[in-house]
């Protein structure tokens, strides 16, 4: 989806600029991340990595793509086997019109 079409969709669906639902979702993901990050358990990386990716998605819905990229990068570092944070990172880069970065993300470089 071209960036302008994405912005139009987001504007029409009330998902930019601080949707209260997305803010509440971000708070819940942050709570989970804070609770389990650093815990020494075999499942921690997967749980925290997924939570980081989901928090990144909630930040994108609030129009905070730069902050979302930080979450997606952290999720990728924790869960290099997971595809979703890579795809979502590319979408965030497209939304920022950082086309070359989005292409490199899609290519895996």
PDB file of N, CA and C in Angstrom:
ATOM      1  N   UNK A   1       0.859  -1.163   0.000  1.00  0.00           N
ATOM      2  CA  UNK A   1       0.000   0.000   0.000  1.00  0.00           C
ATOM      3  C   UNK A   1       0.907   1.227   0.000  1.00  0.00           C
ATOM      4  N   UNK A   2       0.713   2.163  -0.923  1.00  0.00           N
ATOM      5  CA  UNK A   2       1.522   3.380  -0.923  1.00  0.00           C
ATOM      6  C   UNK A   2       1.326   4.164   0.367  1.00  0.00           C
ATOM      7  N   UNK A   3       2.350   4.923   0.734  1.00  0.00           N
ATOM      8  CA  UNK A   3       2.315   5.651   2.008  1.00  0.00           C
ATOM      9  C   UNK A   3       1.122   6.584   2.100  1.00  0.00           C
ATOM     10  N   UNK A   4       0.797   7.285   0.993  1.00  0.00           N
ATOM     11  CA  UNK A   4      -0.341   8.214   1.061  1.00  0.00           C
ATOM     12  C   UNK A   4      -1.651   7.470   1.282  1.00  0.00           C
ATOM     13  N   UNK A   5      -1.775   6.298   0.691  1.00  0.00           N
ATOM     14  CA  UNK A   5      -2.989   5.501   0.895  1.00  0.00           C
ATOM     15  C   UNK A   5      -3.060   4.988   2.330  1.00  0.00           C
ATOM     16  N   UNK A   6      -1.898   4.626   2.878  1.00  0.00           N
ATOM     17  CA  UNK A   6      -1.843   4.162   4.266  1.00  0.00           C
ATOM     18  C   UNK A   6      -2.268   5.286   5.206  1.00  0.00           C
ATOM     19  N   UNK A   7      -1.758   6.495   4.978  1.00  0.00           N
ATOM     20  CA  UNK A   7      -2.132   7.633   5.826  1.00  0.00           C
ATOM     21  C   UNK A   7      -3.624   7.930   5.709  1.00  0.00           C
ATOM     22  N   UNK A   8      -4.178   7.831   4.489  1.00  0.00           N
ATOM     23  CA  UNK A   8      -5.614   8.071   4.305  1.00  0.00           C
ATOM     24  C   UNK A   8      -6.420   7.026   5.067  1.00  0.00           C
ATOM     25  N   UNK A   9      -6.010   5.760   4.981  1.00  0.00           N
ATOM     26  CA  UNK A   9      -6.720   4.701   5.689  1.00  0.00           C
ATOM     27  C   UNK A   9      -6.653   4.949   7.193  1.00  0.00           C
ATOM     28  N   UNK A  10      -5.452   5.275   7.677  1.00  0.00           N
ATOM     29  CA  UNK A  10      -5.297   5.512   9.109  1.00  0.00           C
ATOM     30  C   UNK A  10      -6.160   6.682   9.562  1.00  0.00           C
ATOM     31  N   UNK A  11      -6.182   7.756   8.785  1.00  0.00           N
ATOM     32  CA  UNK A  11      -6.997   8.916   9.138  1.00  0.00           C
ATOM     33  C   UNK A  11      -8.480   8.594   9.145  1.00  0.00           C
ATOM     34  N   UNK A  12      -8.918   7.809   8.183  1.00  0.00           N
ATOM     35  CA  UNK A  12     -10.339   7.453   8.086  1.00  0.00           C
ATOM     36  C   UNK A  12     -10.768   6.506   9.197  1.00  0.00           C
ATOM     37  N   UNK A  13      -9.830   5.739   9.717  1.00  0.00           N
ATOM     38  CA  UNK A  13     -10.165   4.752  10.740  1.00  0.00           C
ATOM     39  C   UNK A  13      -9.750   5.178  12.145  1.00  0.00           C
ATOM     40  N   UNK A  14      -9.329   6.423  12.284  1.00  0.00           N
ATOM     41  CA  UNK A  14      -9.023   6.938  13.614  1.00  0.00           C
ATOM     42  C   UNK A  14      -7.842   6.271  14.283  1.00  0.00           C
ATOM     43  N   UNK A  15      -6.830   5.879  13.515  1.00  0.00           N
ATOM     44  CA  UNK A  15      -5.719   5.152  14.111  1.00  0.00           C
ATOM     45  C   UNK A  15      -4.449   5.974  14.188  1.00  0.00           C
ATOM     46  N   UNK A  16      -4.507   7.249  13.873  1.00  0.00           N
ATOM     47  CA  UNK A  16      -3.320   8.113  13.980  1.00  0.00           C
ATOM     48  C   UNK A  16      -3.503   9.098  15.120  1.00  0.00           C
ATOM     49  N   UNK A  17      -2.385   9.545  15.648  1.00  0.00           N
ATOM     50  CA  UNK A  17      -2.403  10.643  16.573  1.00  0.00           C
ATOM     51  C   UNK A  17      -2.915  10.318  17.963  1.00  0.00           C
ATOM     52  N   UNK A  18      -2.821   9.099  18.423  1.00  0.00           N
ATOM     53  CA  UNK A  18      -3.095   8.824  19.819  1.00  0.00           C
ATOM     54  C   UNK A  18      -4.416   8.170  20.105  1.00  0.00           C
ATOM     55  N   UNK A  19      -4.833   7.248  19.293  1.00  0.00           N
ATOM     56  CA  UNK A  19      -6.042   6.488  19.583  1.00  0.00           C
ATOM     57  C   UNK A  19      -5.971   5.940  21.004  1.00  0.00           C
ATOM     58  N   UNK A  20      -7.028   6.158  21.761  1.00  0.00           N
ATOM     59  CA  UNK A  20      -7.010   5.702  23.161  1.00  0.00           C
ATOM     60  C   UNK A  20      -6.883   4.184  23.252  1.00  0.00           C
ATOM     61  N   UNK A  21      -7.469   3.463  22.313  1.00  0.00           N
ATOM     62  CA  UNK A  21      -7.346   1.999  22.330  1.00  0.00           C
ATOM     63  C   UNK A  21      -5.895   1.590  22.084  1.00  0.00           C
ATOM     64  N   UNK A  22      -5.234   2.233  21.142  1.00  0.00           N
ATOM     65  CA  UNK A  22      -3.838   1.906  20.856  1.00  0.00           C
ATOM     66  C   UNK A  22      -2.942   2.307  22.016  1.00  0.00           C
ATOM     67  N   UNK A  23      -3.262   3.408  22.687  1.00  0.00           N
ATOM     68  CA  UNK A  23      -2.485   3.824  23.853  1.00  0.00           C
ATOM     69  C   UNK A  23      -2.637   2.813  24.992  1.00  0.00           C
ATOM     70  N   UNK A  24      -3.853   2.345  25.202  1.00  0.00           N
ATOM     71  CA  UNK A  24      -4.093   1.348  26.249  1.00  0.00           C
ATOM     72  C   UNK A  24      -3.369   0.049  25.910  1.00  0.00           C
ATOM     73  N   UNK A  25      -3.407  -0.328  24.646  1.00  0.00           N
ATOM     74  CA  UNK A  25      -2.710  -1.542  24.211  1.00  0.00           C
ATOM     75  C   UNK A  25      -1.207  -1.390  24.434  1.00  0.00           C
ATOM     76  N   UNK A  26      -0.661  -0.237  24.076  1.00  0.00           N
ATOM     77  CA  UNK A  26       0.768   0.008  24.285  1.00  0.00           C
ATOM     78  C   UNK A  26       1.133  -0.130  25.764  1.00  0.00           C
ATOM     79  N   UNK A  27       0.295   0.402  26.633  1.00  0.00           N
ATOM     80  CA  UNK A  27       0.554   0.319  28.071  1.00  0.00           C
ATOM     81  C   UNK A  27       0.587  -1.128  28.555  1.00  0.00           C
ATOM     82  N   UNK A  28      -0.321  -1.945  28.047  1.00  0.00           N
ATOM     83  CA  UNK A  28      -0.347  -3.357  28.441  1.00  0.00           C
ATOM     84  C   UNK A  28       0.893  -4.094  27.952  1.00  0.00           C
ATOM     85  N   UNK A  29       1.307  -3.831  26.696  1.00  0.00           N
ATOM     86  CA  UNK A  29       2.513  -4.482  26.179  1.00  0.00           C
ATOM     87  C   UNK A  29       3.733  -4.030  26.962  1.00  0.00           C
ATOM     88  N   UNK A  30       3.787  -2.748  27.314  1.00  0.00           N
ATOM     89  CA  UNK A  30       4.910  -2.232  28.089  1.00  0.00           C
ATOM     90  C   UNK A  30       4.974  -2.905  29.453  1.00  0.00           C
ATOM     91  N   UNK A  31       3.831  -3.084  30.073  1.00  0.00           N
ATOM     92  CA  UNK A  31       3.779  -3.765  31.373  1.00  0.00           C
ATOM     93  C   UNK A  31       4.323  -5.184  31.265  1.00  0.00           C
ATOM     94  N   UNK A  32       3.913  -5.900  30.215  1.00  0.00           N
ATOM     95  CA  UNK A  32       4.392  -7.272  30.017  1.00  0.00           C
ATOM     96  C   UNK A  32       5.895  -7.294  29.762  1.00  0.00           C
ATOM     97  N   UNK A  33       6.376  -6.379  28.930  1.00  0.00           N
ATOM     98  CA  UNK A  33       7.812  -6.305  28.632  1.00  0.00           C
ATOM     99  C   UNK A  33       8.602  -6.049  29.908  1.00  0.00           C
ATOM    100  N   UNK A  34       8.155  -5.070  30.681  1.00  0.00           N
ATOM    101  CA  UNK A  34       8.853  -4.731  31.923  1.00  0.00           C
ATOM    102  C   UNK A  34       8.846  -5.890  32.923  1.00  0.00           C
ATOM    103  N   UNK A  35       7.756  -6.621  32.947  1.00  0.00           N
ATOM    104  CA  UNK A  35       7.626  -7.725  33.902  1.00  0.00           C
ATOM    105  C   UNK A  35       8.543  -8.896  33.558  1.00  0.00           C
ATOM    106  N   UNK A  36       8.677  -9.229  32.275  1.00  0.00           N
ATOM    107  CA  UNK A  36       9.386 -10.449  31.897  1.00  0.00           C
ATOM    108  C   UNK A  36      10.776 -10.228  31.299  1.00  0.00           C
ATOM    109  N   UNK A  37      11.104  -9.018  30.883  1.00  0.00           N
ATOM    110  CA  UNK A  37      12.440  -8.757  30.334  1.00  0.00           C
ATOM    111  C   UNK A  37      13.467  -9.017  31.440  1.00  0.00           C
ATOM    112  N   UNK A  38      14.483  -9.770  31.114  1.00  0.00           N
ATOM    113  CA  UNK A  38      15.516 -10.072  32.094  1.00  0.00           C
ATOM    114  C   UNK A  38      15.267 -11.330  32.903  1.00  0.00           C
ATOM    115  N   UNK A  39      14.068 -11.895  32.780  1.00  0.00           N
ATOM    116  CA  UNK A  39      13.766 -13.137  33.483  1.00  0.00           C
ATOM    117  C   UNK A  39      14.564 -14.272  32.845  1.00  0.00           C
ATOM    118  N   UNK A  40      15.143 -15.117  33.641  1.00  0.00           N
ATOM    119  CA  UNK A  40      15.948 -16.220  33.130  1.00  0.00           C
ATOM    120  C   UNK A  40      15.067 -17.454  32.955  1.00  0.00           C
ATOM    121  N   UNK A  41      14.418 -17.527  31.805  1.00  0.00           N
ATOM    122  CA  UNK A  41      13.575 -18.685  31.463  1.00  0.00           C
ATOM    123  C   UNK A  41      13.727 -18.935  29.961  1.00  0.00           C
ATOM    124  N   UNK A  42      13.600 -20.177  29.540  1.00  0.00           N
ATOM    125  CA  UNK A  42      13.810 -20.482  28.123  1.00  0.00           C
ATOM    126  C   UNK A  42      12.800 -19.815  27.177  1.00  0.00           C
ATOM    127  N   UNK A  43      11.656 -19.426  27.673  1.00  0.00           N
ATOM    128  CA  UNK A  43      10.612 -18.837  26.839  1.00  0.00           C
ATOM    129  C   UNK A  43      10.613 -17.319  26.842  1.00  0.00           C
ATOM    130  N   UNK A  44      11.491 -16.697  27.640  1.00  0.00           N
ATOM    131  CA  UNK A  44      11.478 -15.246  27.808  1.00  0.00           C
ATOM    132  C   UNK A  44      11.696 -14.497  26.491  1.00  0.00           C
ATOM    133  N   UNK A  45      12.685 -14.898  25.718  1.00  0.00           N
ATOM    134  CA  UNK A  45      12.977 -14.187  24.462  1.00  0.00           C
ATOM    135  C   UNK A  45      11.765 -14.186  23.545  1.00  0.00           C
ATOM    136  N   UNK A  46      11.081 -15.312  23.454  1.00  0.00           N
ATOM    137  CA  UNK A  46       9.922 -15.395  22.572  1.00  0.00           C
ATOM    138  C   UNK A  46       8.788 -14.491  23.065  1.00  0.00           C
ATOM    139  N   UNK A  47       8.495 -14.541  24.348  1.00  0.00           N
ATOM    140  CA  UNK A  47       7.395 -13.744  24.903  1.00  0.00           C
ATOM    141  C   UNK A  47       7.700 -12.251  24.801  1.00  0.00           C
ATOM    142  N   UNK A  48       8.895 -11.856  25.232  1.00  0.00           N
ATOM    143  CA  UNK A  48       9.252 -10.442  25.209  1.00  0.00           C
ATOM    144  C   UNK A  48       9.407  -9.952  23.766  1.00  0.00           C
ATOM    145  N   UNK A  49       9.966 -10.780  22.910  1.00  0.00           N
ATOM    146  CA  UNK A  49      10.090 -10.403  21.497  1.00  0.00           C
ATOM    147  C   UNK A  49       8.741 -10.170  20.841  1.00  0.00           C
ATOM    148  N   UNK A  50       7.794 -11.048  21.106  1.00  0.00           N
ATOM    149  CA  UNK A  50       6.446 -10.865  20.553  1.00  0.00           C
ATOM    150  C   UNK A  50       5.780  -9.617  21.131  1.00  0.00           C
ATOM    151  N   UNK A  51       5.982  -9.387  22.423  1.00  0.00           N
ATOM    152  CA  UNK A  51       5.396  -8.200  23.060  1.00  0.00           C
ATOM    153  C   UNK A  51       6.002  -6.922  22.476  1.00  0.00           C
ATOM    154  N   UNK A  52       7.307  -6.923  22.232  1.00  0.00           N
ATOM    155  CA  UNK A  52       7.938  -5.763  21.608  1.00  0.00           C
ATOM    156  C   UNK A  52       7.360  -5.501  20.225  1.00  0.00           C
ATOM    157  N   UNK A  53       7.182  -6.562  19.452  1.00  0.00           N
ATOM    158  CA  UNK A  53       6.584  -6.403  18.123  1.00  0.00           C
ATOM    159  C   UNK A  53       5.171  -5.863  18.196  1.00  0.00           C
ATOM    160  N   UNK A  54       4.394  -6.367  19.132  1.00  0.00           N
ATOM    161  CA  UNK A  54       3.014  -5.888  19.281  1.00  0.00           C
ATOM    162  C   UNK A  54       2.966  -4.446  19.788  1.00  0.00           C
ATOM    163  N   UNK A  55       3.885  -4.093  20.682  1.00  0.00           N
ATOM    164  CA  UNK A  55       3.933  -2.695  21.127  1.00  0.00           C
ATOM    165  C   UNK A  55       4.327  -1.791  19.961  1.00  0.00           C
ATOM    166  N   UNK A  56       5.238  -2.277  19.128  1.00  0.00           N
ATOM    167  CA  UNK A  56       5.599  -1.521  17.927  1.00  0.00           C
ATOM    168  C   UNK A  56       4.391  -1.289  17.039  1.00  0.00           C
ATOM    169  N   UNK A  57       3.559  -2.311  16.878  1.00  0.00           N
ATOM    170  CA  UNK A  57       2.346  -2.155  16.069  1.00  0.00           C
ATOM    171  C   UNK A  57       1.405  -1.114  16.670  1.00  0.00           C
ATOM    172  N   UNK A  58       1.260  -1.118  17.994  1.00  0.00           N
ATOM    173  CA  UNK A  58       0.384  -0.126  18.618  1.00  0.00           C
ATOM    174  C   UNK A  58       0.958   1.277  18.448  1.00  0.00           C
ATOM    175  N   UNK A  59       2.259   1.400  18.451  1.00  0.00           N
ATOM    176  CA  UNK A  59       2.886   2.710  18.237  1.00  0.00           C
ATOM    177  C   UNK A  59       2.704   3.179  16.796  1.00  0.00           C
ATOM    178  N   UNK A  60       2.783   2.268  15.839  1.00  0.00           N
ATOM    179  CA  UNK A  60       2.527   2.641  14.446  1.00  0.00           C
ATOM    180  C   UNK A  60       1.102   3.169  14.307  1.00  0.00           C
ATOM    181  N   UNK A  61       0.140   2.504  14.954  1.00  0.00           N
ATOM    182  CA  UNK A  61      -1.254   2.951  14.883  1.00  0.00           C
ATOM    183  C   UNK A  61      -1.463   4.327  15.502  1.00  0.00           C
ATOM    184  N   UNK A  62      -0.534   4.735  16.356  1.00  0.00           N
ATOM    185  CA  UNK A  62      -0.603   6.060  16.962  1.00  0.00           C
ATOM    186  C   UNK A  62       0.193   7.097  16.164  1.00  0.00           C
ATOM    187  N   UNK A  63       0.764   6.677  15.038  1.00  0.00           N
ATOM    188  CA  UNK A  63       1.561   7.592  14.230  1.00  0.00           C
ATOM    189  C   UNK A  63       2.966   7.804  14.765  1.00  0.00           C
ATOM    190  N   UNK A  64       3.467   6.849  15.543  1.00  0.00           N
ATOM    191  CA  UNK A  64       4.778   6.955  16.182  1.00  0.00           C
ATOM    192  C   UNK A  64       5.722   5.892  15.614  1.00  0.00           C
ATOM    193  N   UNK A  65       5.933   5.967  14.305  1.00  0.00           N
ATOM    194  CA  UNK A  65       6.694   4.935  13.607  1.00  0.00           C
ATOM    195  C   UNK A  65       8.155   4.883  14.037  1.00  0.00           C
ATOM    196  N   UNK A  66       8.763   6.022  14.341  1.00  0.00           N
ATOM    197  CA  UNK A  66      10.174   6.010  14.766  1.00  0.00           C
ATOM    198  C   UNK A  66      10.342   5.201  16.042  1.00  0.00           C
ATOM    199  N   UNK A  67       9.432   5.390  16.999  1.00  0.00           N
ATOM    200  CA  UNK A  67       9.491   4.610  18.240  1.00  0.00           C
ATOM    201  C   UNK A  67       9.203   3.141  17.964  1.00  0.00           C
ATOM    202  N   UNK A  68       8.306   2.885  17.035  1.00  0.00           N
ATOM    203  CA  UNK A  68       7.983   1.508  16.674  1.00  0.00           C
ATOM    204  C   UNK A  68       9.205   0.794  16.105  1.00  0.00           C
ATOM    205  N   UNK A  69      10.012   1.505  15.321  1.00  0.00           N
ATOM    206  CA  UNK A  69      11.214   0.888  14.749  1.00  0.00           C
ATOM    207  C   UNK A  69      12.162   0.394  15.837  1.00  0.00           C
ATOM    208  N   UNK A  70      12.245   1.125  16.932  1.00  0.00           N
ATOM    209  CA  UNK A  70      13.088   0.689  18.050  1.00  0.00           C
ATOM    210  C   UNK A  70      12.575  -0.639  18.605  1.00  0.00           C
ATOM    211  N   UNK A  71      11.249  -0.739  18.748  1.00  0.00           N
ATOM    212  CA  UNK A  71      10.662  -1.994  19.235  1.00  0.00           C
ATOM    213  C   UNK A  71      10.875  -3.133  18.248  1.00  0.00           C
ATOM    214  N   UNK A  72      10.660  -2.864  16.965  1.00  0.00           N
ATOM    215  CA  UNK A  72      10.839  -3.922  15.969  1.00  0.00           C
ATOM    216  C   UNK A  72      12.292  -4.401  15.939  1.00  0.00           C
ATOM    217  N   UNK A  73      13.243  -3.468  16.031  1.00  0.00           N
ATOM    218  CA  UNK A  73      14.654  -3.866  16.055  1.00  0.00           C
ATOM    219  C   UNK A  73      14.966  -4.731  17.278  1.00  0.00           C
ATOM    220  N   UNK A  74      14.421  -4.357  18.427  1.00  0.00           N
ATOM    221  CA  UNK A  74      14.644  -5.149  19.646  1.00  0.00           C
ATOM    222  C   UNK A  74      14.005  -6.527  19.520  1.00  0.00           C
ATOM    223  N   UNK A  75      12.815  -6.585  18.919  1.00  0.00           N
ATOM    224  CA  UNK A  75      12.137  -7.871  18.717  1.00  0.00           C
ATOM    225  C   UNK A  75      12.948  -8.768  17.784  1.00  0.00           C
ATOM    226  N   UNK A  76      13.489  -8.182  16.729  1.00  0.00           N
ATOM    227  CA  UNK A  76      14.302  -8.948  15.780  1.00  0.00           C
ATOM    228  C   UNK A  76      15.557  -9.479  16.471  1.00  0.00           C
ATOM    229  N   UNK A  77      16.162  -8.665  17.322  1.00  0.00           N
ATOM    230  CA  UNK A  77      17.363  -9.100  18.038  1.00  0.00           C
ATOM    231  C   UNK A  77      17.056 -10.260  18.980  1.00  0.00           C
ATOM    232  N   UNK A  78      15.902 -10.214  19.650  1.00  0.00           N
ATOM    233  CA  UNK A  78      15.525 -11.283  20.581  1.00  0.00           C
ATOM    234  C   UNK A  78      15.031 -12.537  19.867  1.00  0.00           C
ATOM    235  N   UNK A  79      14.333 -12.347  18.767  1.00  0.00           N
ATOM    236  CA  UNK A  79      13.686 -13.465  18.049  1.00  0.00           C
ATOM    237  C   UNK A  79      14.041 -13.409  16.565  1.00  0.00           C
ATOM    238  N   UNK A  80      15.281 -13.702  16.221  1.00  0.00           N
ATOM    239  CA  UNK A  80      15.672 -13.585  14.810  1.00  0.00           C
ATOM    240  C   UNK A  80      14.921 -14.551  13.892  1.00  0.00           C
ATOM    241  N   UNK A  81      14.264 -15.537  14.452  1.00  0.00           N
ATOM    242  CA  UNK A  81      13.492 -16.505  13.670  1.00  0.00           C
ATOM    243  C   UNK A  81      12.091 -15.985  13.330  1.00  0.00           C
ATOM    244  N   UNK A  82      11.646 -14.935  13.990  1.00  0.00           N
ATOM    245  CA  UNK A  82      10.278 -14.432  13.812  1.00  0.00           C
ATOM    246  C   UNK A  82      10.198 -13.524  12.585  1.00  0.00           C
ATOM    247  N   UNK A  83       9.190 -13.748  11.782  1.00  0.00           N
ATOM    248  CA  UNK A  83       9.003 -12.995  10.545  1.00  0.00           C
ATOM    249  C   UNK A  83       8.241 -11.694  10.787  1.00  0.00           C
ATOM    250  N   UNK A  84       7.274 -11.690  11.685  1.00  0.00           N
ATOM    251  CA  UNK A  84       6.391 -10.534  11.866  1.00  0.00           C
ATOM    252  C   UNK A  84       7.130  -9.226  12.152  1.00  0.00           C
ATOM    253  N   UNK A  85       8.100  -9.193  13.078  1.00  0.00           N
ATOM    254  CA  UNK A  85       8.754  -7.906  13.322  1.00  0.00           C
ATOM    255  C   UNK A  85       9.506  -7.380  12.102  1.00  0.00           C
ATOM    256  N   UNK A  86      10.022  -8.272  11.288  1.00  0.00           N
ATOM    257  CA  UNK A  86      10.722  -7.844  10.069  1.00  0.00           C
ATOM    258  C   UNK A  86       9.722  -7.218   9.097  1.00  0.00           C
ATOM    259  N   UNK A  87       8.599  -7.890   8.895  1.00  0.00           N
ATOM    260  CA  UNK A  87       7.575  -7.347   7.997  1.00  0.00           C
ATOM    261  C   UNK A  87       7.020  -6.030   8.518  1.00  0.00           C
ATOM    262  N   UNK A  88       6.746  -5.976   9.815  1.00  0.00           N
ATOM    263  CA  UNK A  88       6.186  -4.761  10.398  1.00  0.00           C
ATOM    264  C   UNK A  88       7.191  -3.612  10.381  1.00  0.00           C
ATOM    265  N   UNK A  89       8.465  -3.931  10.513  1.00  0.00           N
ATOM    266  CA  UNK A  89       9.503  -2.913  10.394  1.00  0.00           C
ATOM    267  C   UNK A  89       9.476  -2.314   8.991  1.00  0.00           C
ATOM    268  N   UNK A  90       9.340  -3.157   7.992  1.00  0.00           N
ATOM    269  CA  UNK A  90       9.263  -2.677   6.612  1.00  0.00           C
ATOM    270  C   UNK A  90       8.062  -1.780   6.382  1.00  0.00           C
ATOM    271  N   UNK A  91       6.928  -2.133   6.952  1.00  0.00           N
ATOM    272  CA  UNK A  91       5.724  -1.316   6.826  1.00  0.00           C
ATOM    273  C   UNK A  91       5.923   0.048   7.494  1.00  0.00           C
ATOM    274  N   UNK A  92       6.552   0.053   8.671  1.00  0.00           N
ATOM    275  CA  UNK A  92       6.820   1.320   9.356  1.00  0.00           C
ATOM    276  C   UNK A  92       7.753   2.194   8.525  1.00  0.00           C
ATOM    277  N   UNK A  93       8.770   1.580   7.924  1.00  0.00           N
ATOM    278  CA  UNK A  93       9.688   2.330   7.069  1.00  0.00           C
ATOM    279  C   UNK A  93       8.964   2.903   5.853  1.00  0.00           C
ATOM    280  N   UNK A  94       8.055   2.141   5.275  1.00  0.00           N
ATOM    281  CA  UNK A  94       7.258   2.657   4.161  1.00  0.00           C
ATOM    282  C   UNK A  94       6.427   3.854   4.605  1.00  0.00           C
ATOM    283  N   UNK A  95       5.828   3.755   5.798  1.00  0.00           N
ATOM    284  CA  UNK A  95       5.021   4.853   6.313  1.00  0.00           C
ATOM    285  C   UNK A  95       5.831   6.127   6.511  1.00  0.00           C
ATOM    286  N   UNK A  96       7.114   5.966   6.795  1.00  0.00           N
ATOM    287  CA  UNK A  96       8.016   7.110   6.945  1.00  0.00           C
ATOM    288  C   UNK A  96       8.604   7.540   5.606  1.00  0.00           C
ATOM    289  N   UNK A  97       8.211   6.859   4.555  1.00  0.00           N
ATOM    290  CA  UNK A  97       8.702   7.104   3.191  1.00  0.00           C
ATOM    291  C   UNK A  97      10.216   6.913   3.084  1.00  0.00           C
ATOM    292  N   UNK A  98      10.717   5.998   3.874  1.00  0.00           N
ATOM    293  CA  UNK A  98      12.130   5.619   3.814  1.00  0.00           C
ATOM    294  C   UNK A  98      12.227   4.391   2.906  1.00  0.00           C
ATOM    295  N   UNK A  99      12.033   4.640   1.622  1.00  0.00           N
ATOM    296  CA  UNK A  99      11.868   3.577   0.633  1.00  0.00           C
ATOM    297  C   UNK A  99      13.073   2.662   0.546  1.00  0.00           C
ATOM    298  N   UNK A 100      14.281   3.211   0.486  1.00  0.00           N
ATOM    299  CA  UNK A 100      15.478   2.368   0.357  1.00  0.00           C
ATOM    300  C   UNK A 100      15.641   1.462   1.574  1.00  0.00           C
ATOM    301  N   UNK A 101      15.380   2.001   2.764  1.00  0.00           N
ATOM    302  CA  UNK A 101      15.459   1.184   3.975  1.00  0.00           C
ATOM    303  C   UNK A 101      14.399   0.084   3.964  1.00  0.00           C
ATOM    304  N   UNK A 102      13.203   0.423   3.484  1.00  0.00           N
ATOM    305  CA  UNK A 102      12.125  -0.575   3.417  1.00  0.00           C
ATOM    306  C   UNK A 102      12.478  -1.691   2.452  1.00  0.00           C
ATOM    307  N   UNK A 103      13.098  -1.340   1.343  1.00  0.00           N
ATOM    308  CA  UNK A 103      13.507  -2.360   0.364  1.00  0.00           C
ATOM    309  C   UNK A 103      14.579  -3.256   0.959  1.00  0.00           C
ATOM    310  N   UNK A 104      15.556  -2.652   1.647  1.00  0.00           N
ATOM    311  CA  UNK A 104      16.621  -3.461   2.283  1.00  0.00           C
ATOM    312  C   UNK A 104      16.012  -4.380   3.346  1.00  0.00           C
ATOM    313  N   UNK A 105      15.035  -3.883   4.056  1.00  0.00           N
ATOM    314  CA  UNK A 105      14.362  -4.699   5.083  1.00  0.00           C
ATOM    315  C   UNK A 105      13.674  -5.890   4.431  1.00  0.00           C
ATOM    316  N   UNK A 106      12.991  -5.642   3.328  1.00  0.00           N
ATOM    317  CA  UNK A 106      12.283  -6.713   2.619  1.00  0.00           C
ATOM    318  C   UNK A 106      13.259  -7.721   2.032  1.00  0.00           C
ATOM    319  N   UNK A 107      14.422  -7.240   1.616  1.00  0.00           N
ATOM    320  CA  UNK A 107      15.448  -8.122   1.041  1.00  0.00           C
ATOM    321  C   UNK A 107      16.233  -8.877   2.113  1.00  0.00           C
ATOM    322  N   UNK A 108      16.090  -8.448   3.361  1.00  0.00           N
ATOM    323  CA  UNK A 108      16.827  -9.085   4.442  1.00  0.00           C
ATOM    324  C   UNK A 108      18.262  -8.628   4.529  1.00  0.00           C
ATOM    325  N   UNK A 109      18.543  -7.440   3.996  1.00  0.00           N
ATOM    326  CA  UNK A 109      19.930  -6.931   4.054  1.00  0.00           C
ATOM    327  C   UNK A 109      20.055  -5.792   5.017  1.00  0.00           C
TER     328      UNK A 109
END
